[in-house]
C-alpha atoms as a PDB file:
ATOM      1  CA  MET A   1     -47.956  21.555 -25.063  1.00  0.00           C
ATOM      2  CA  VAL A   2     -47.710  22.808 -21.695  1.00  0.00           C
ATOM      3  CA  ARG A   3     -48.800  19.418 -20.268  1.00  0.00           C
ATOM      4  CA  GLY A   4     -45.503  17.720 -21.839  1.00  0.00           C
ATOM      5  CA  ARG A   5     -43.742  20.391 -20.409  1.00  0.00           C
ATOM      6  CA  LEU A   6     -45.106  19.443 -17.127  1.00  0.00           C
ATOM      7  CA  GLN A   7     -44.690  15.634 -17.221  1.00  0.00           C
ATOM      8  CA  MET A   8     -41.363  16.092 -18.451  1.00  0.00           C
ATOM      9  CA  LYS A   9     -40.521  18.509 -14.641  1.00  0.00           C
ATOM     10  CA  ARG A  10     -42.492  15.851 -13.194  1.00  0.00           C
ATOM     11  CA  GLU A  11     -40.418  13.184 -14.850  1.00  0.00           C
ATOM     12  CA  ALA A  12     -36.980  15.127 -14.088  1.00  0.00           C
ATOM     13  CA  ALA A  13     -37.655  16.041 -10.514  1.00  0.00           C
ATOM     14  CA  ARG A  14     -38.430  12.016  -9.950  1.00  0.00           C
ATOM     15  CA  ALA A  15     -35.002  11.716 -11.429  1.00  0.00           C
ATOM     16  CA  ARG A  16     -33.634  14.423  -9.156  1.00  0.00           C
ATOM     17  CA  GLU A  17     -35.580  12.363  -5.533  1.00  0.00           C
ATOM     18  CA  LEU A  18     -34.248   8.938  -7.149  1.00  0.00           C
ATOM     19  CA  ALA A  19     -30.532  10.096  -7.267  1.00  0.00           C
ATOM     20  CA  ALA A  20     -30.950  11.609  -4.125  1.00  0.00           C
ATOM     21  CA  LEU A  21     -31.935   8.625  -2.670  1.00  0.00           C
ATOM     22  CA  GLU A  22     -29.381   6.870  -3.764  1.00  0.00           C
ATOM     23  CA  GLN A  23     -26.798   8.717  -2.421  1.00  0.00           C
ATOM     24  CA  ALA A  24     -28.182   9.158   0.620  1.00  0.00           C
ATOM     25  CA  GLU A  25     -28.200   4.828   0.361  1.00  0.00           C
ATOM     26  CA  LEU A  26     -24.387   5.361  -0.598  1.00  0.00           C
ATOM     27  CA  GLU A  27     -23.599   7.541   2.294  1.00  0.00           C
ATOM     28  CA  ARG A  28     -25.259   5.145   4.935  1.00  0.00           C
ATOM     29  CA  ARG A  29     -23.783   2.524   3.735  1.00  0.00           C
ATOM     30  CA  VAL A  30     -20.684   4.347   3.608  1.00  0.00           C
ATOM     31  CA  ALA A  31     -21.194   5.563   7.386  1.00  0.00           C
ATOM     32  CA  GLU A  32     -21.939   1.576   8.614  1.00  0.00           C
ATOM     33  CA  GLU A  33     -18.874   0.668   7.066  1.00  0.00           C
ATOM     34  CA  ARG A  34     -16.718   3.183   8.460  1.00  0.00           C
ATOM     35  CA  ALA A  35     -18.609   2.250  11.642  1.00  0.00           C
ATOM     36  CA  ALA A  36     -17.236  -1.282  10.804  1.00  0.00           C
ATOM     37  CA  VAL A  37     -14.222  -0.760  10.635  1.00  0.00           C
ATOM     38  CA  ASP A  38     -13.795   1.470  13.775  1.00  0.00           C
ATOM     39  CA  ARG A  39     -15.556  -1.211  16.179  1.00  0.00           C
ATOM     40  CA  ARG A  40     -13.264  -4.052  15.094  1.00  0.00           C
ATOM     41  CA  LEU A  41     -10.160  -1.327  15.865  1.00  0.00           C
ATOM     42  CA  LYS A  42     -11.455  -0.875  19.076  1.00  0.00           C
ATOM     43  CA  ARG A  43     -12.255  -4.466  20.149  1.00  0.00           C
ATOM     44  CA  LYS A  44      -8.433  -5.294  18.805  1.00  0.00           C
ATOM     45  CA  TRP A  45      -6.708  -2.546  19.931  1.00  0.00           C
ATOM     46  CA  GLY A  46      -8.399  -0.683  22.902  1.00  0.00           C
ATOM     47  CA  ASN A  47      -7.636   2.711  22.945  1.00  0.00           C
ATOM     48  CA  SER A  48      -5.676   5.581  20.547  1.00  0.00           C
ATOM     49  CA  THR A  49      -3.199   5.122  23.294  1.00  0.00           C
ATOM     50  CA  SER A  50      -2.812   1.494  23.193  1.00  0.00           C
ATOM     51  CA  ALA A  51      -2.964   2.298  19.843  1.00  0.00           C
ATOM     52  CA  LEU A  52      -0.556   4.350  19.575  1.00  0.00           C
ATOM     53  CA  ASN A  53       1.701   2.677  21.452  1.00  0.00           C
ATOM     54  CA  HIS A  54       1.964  -0.535  19.208  1.00  0.00           C
ATOM     55  CA  LEU A  55       1.840   1.875  16.640  1.00  0.00           C
ATOM     56  CA  SER A  56       5.580   3.218  18.295  1.00  0.00           C
ATOM     57  CA  GLY A  57       6.477  -0.143  18.174  1.00  0.00           C
ATOM     58  CA  LEU A  58       5.748  -1.346  14.433  1.00  0.00           C
ATOM     59  CA  SER A  59       7.691   1.790  13.484  1.00  0.00           C
ATOM     60  CA  ARG A  60      10.481   0.709  15.405  1.00  0.00           C
ATOM     61  CA  GLU A  61      10.585  -2.713  14.322  1.00  0.00           C
ATOM     62  CA  LEU A  62      10.286  -1.557  10.738  1.00  0.00           C
ATOM     63  CA  GLU A  63      12.905   0.685  11.381  1.00  0.00           C
ATOM     64  CA  LYS A  64      15.548  -2.067  12.545  1.00  0.00           C
ATOM     65  CA  LEU A  65      14.339  -4.292   9.598  1.00  0.00           C
ATOM     66  CA  HIS A  66      15.460  -1.533   7.152  1.00  0.00           C
ATOM     67  CA  GLN A  67      18.889  -1.014   8.547  1.00  0.00           C
ATOM     68  CA  GLN A  68      19.056  -5.213   9.064  1.00  0.00           C
ATOM     69  CA  GLU A  69      18.423  -5.244   4.972  1.00  0.00           C
ATOM     70  CA  ALA A  70      20.810  -2.296   4.295  1.00  0.00           C
ATOM     71  CA  ARG A  71      23.552  -4.272   5.734  1.00  0.00           C
ATOM     72  CA  ILE A  72      22.705  -7.424   3.957  1.00  0.00           C
ATOM     73  CA  LEU A  73      22.790  -5.846   0.924  1.00  0.00           C
ATOM     74  CA  ARG A  74      25.765  -4.065   1.609  1.00  0.00           C
ATOM     75  CA  GLU A  75      27.701  -7.812   2.572  1.00  0.00           C
ATOM     76  CA  ARG A  76      26.171  -9.463  -0.572  1.00  0.00           C
ATOM     77  CA  ASP A  77      27.697  -6.309  -2.569  1.00  0.00           C
ATOM     78  CA  GLU A  78      31.136  -6.674  -1.285  1.00  0.00           C
ATOM     79  CA  LEU A  79      30.674 -10.457  -1.332  1.00  0.00           C
ATOM     80  CA  VAL A  80      29.965  -9.785  -5.478  1.00  0.00           C
ATOM     81  CA  GLN A  81      32.932  -7.295  -5.802  1.00  0.00           C
ATOM     82  CA  TRP A  82      35.442  -9.425  -4.293  1.00  0.00           C
ATOM     83  CA  LEU A  83      33.548 -12.765  -6.246  1.00  0.00           C
ATOM     84  CA  ARG A  84      33.670 -10.704  -8.923  1.00  0.00           C
ATOM     85  CA  ASP A  85      37.160  -9.143  -8.908  1.00  0.00           C
ATOM     86  CA  GLY A  86      38.466 -13.314  -8.365  1.00  0.00           C
ATOM     87  CA  GLY A  87      37.175 -14.459 -11.678  1.00  0.00           C
ATOM     88  CA  GLN A  88      33.886 -15.034 -11.005  1.00  0.00           C
ATOM     89  CA  SER A  89      31.411 -15.048 -13.532  1.00  0.00           C
ATOM     90  CA  TRP A  90      28.713 -12.423 -14.034  1.00  0.00           C
ATOM     91  CA  ALA A  91      26.169 -15.593 -14.727  1.00  0.00           C
ATOM     92  CA  LEU A  92      27.062 -17.306 -11.735  1.00  0.00           C
ATOM     93  CA  LEU A  93      26.946 -14.926  -9.755  1.00  0.00           C
ATOM     94  CA  SER A  94      23.711 -13.859 -10.937  1.00  0.00           C
ATOM     95  CA  THR A  95      22.303 -17.373 -10.418  1.00  0.00           C
ATOM     96  CA  ARG A  96      23.654 -17.067  -6.596  1.00  0.00           C
ATOM     97  CA  THR A  97      21.784 -13.874  -6.109  1.00  0.00           C
ATOM     98  CA  LYS A  98      18.918 -14.812  -7.718  1.00  0.00           C
ATOM     99  CA  LEU A  99      19.380 -10.956  -9.731  1.00  0.00           C
ATOM    100  CA  SER A 100      19.790 -10.023 -13.088  1.00  0.00           C
ATOM    101  CA  ARG A 101      23.211 -10.027 -14.480  1.00  0.00           C
ATOM    102  CA  GLN A 102      22.278  -6.255 -15.491  1.00  0.00           C
ATOM    103  CA  ALA A 103      21.098  -5.367 -11.553  1.00  0.00           C
ATOM    104  CA  LEU A 104      24.254  -6.383 -10.565  1.00  0.00           C
ATOM    105  CA  MET A 105      26.339  -5.109 -12.768  1.00  0.00           C
ATOM    106  CA  LYS A 106      24.109  -1.659 -12.056  1.00  0.00           C
ATOM    107  CA  ARG A 107      24.903  -2.292  -8.561  1.00  0.00           C
ATOM    108  CA  MET A 108      28.282  -2.513  -8.817  1.00  0.00           C
ATOM    109  CA  ARG A 109      28.382   0.682 -10.722  1.00  0.00           C
ATOM    110  CA  SER A 110      26.143   2.600  -7.866  1.00  0.00           C
ATOM    111  CA  ALA A 111      28.124   1.007  -4.699  1.00  0.00           C
END
């Protein structure tokens, strides 16, 4: 009985050791992947100052695009409303806008 208990303790210790080795290997791989990403980004952007400058530029461009999108959507909604008031069918407007009739009607209610 003592021998069986010792054997079980040894097996549990081996299992813990294997689990620790696997965890260490996983952590090593994650660290290598992070280092590879860091090297790639350093090659691409050089340093953090140039990366921050580029990030600022991207954010400004995105803001401009959002404003342009909002302006285009407002213009489309105005046209849909004007055409609808002029007697055009929801089906025709849906075909032209590539939106469902339900989506068009919902936009007109919320506009």
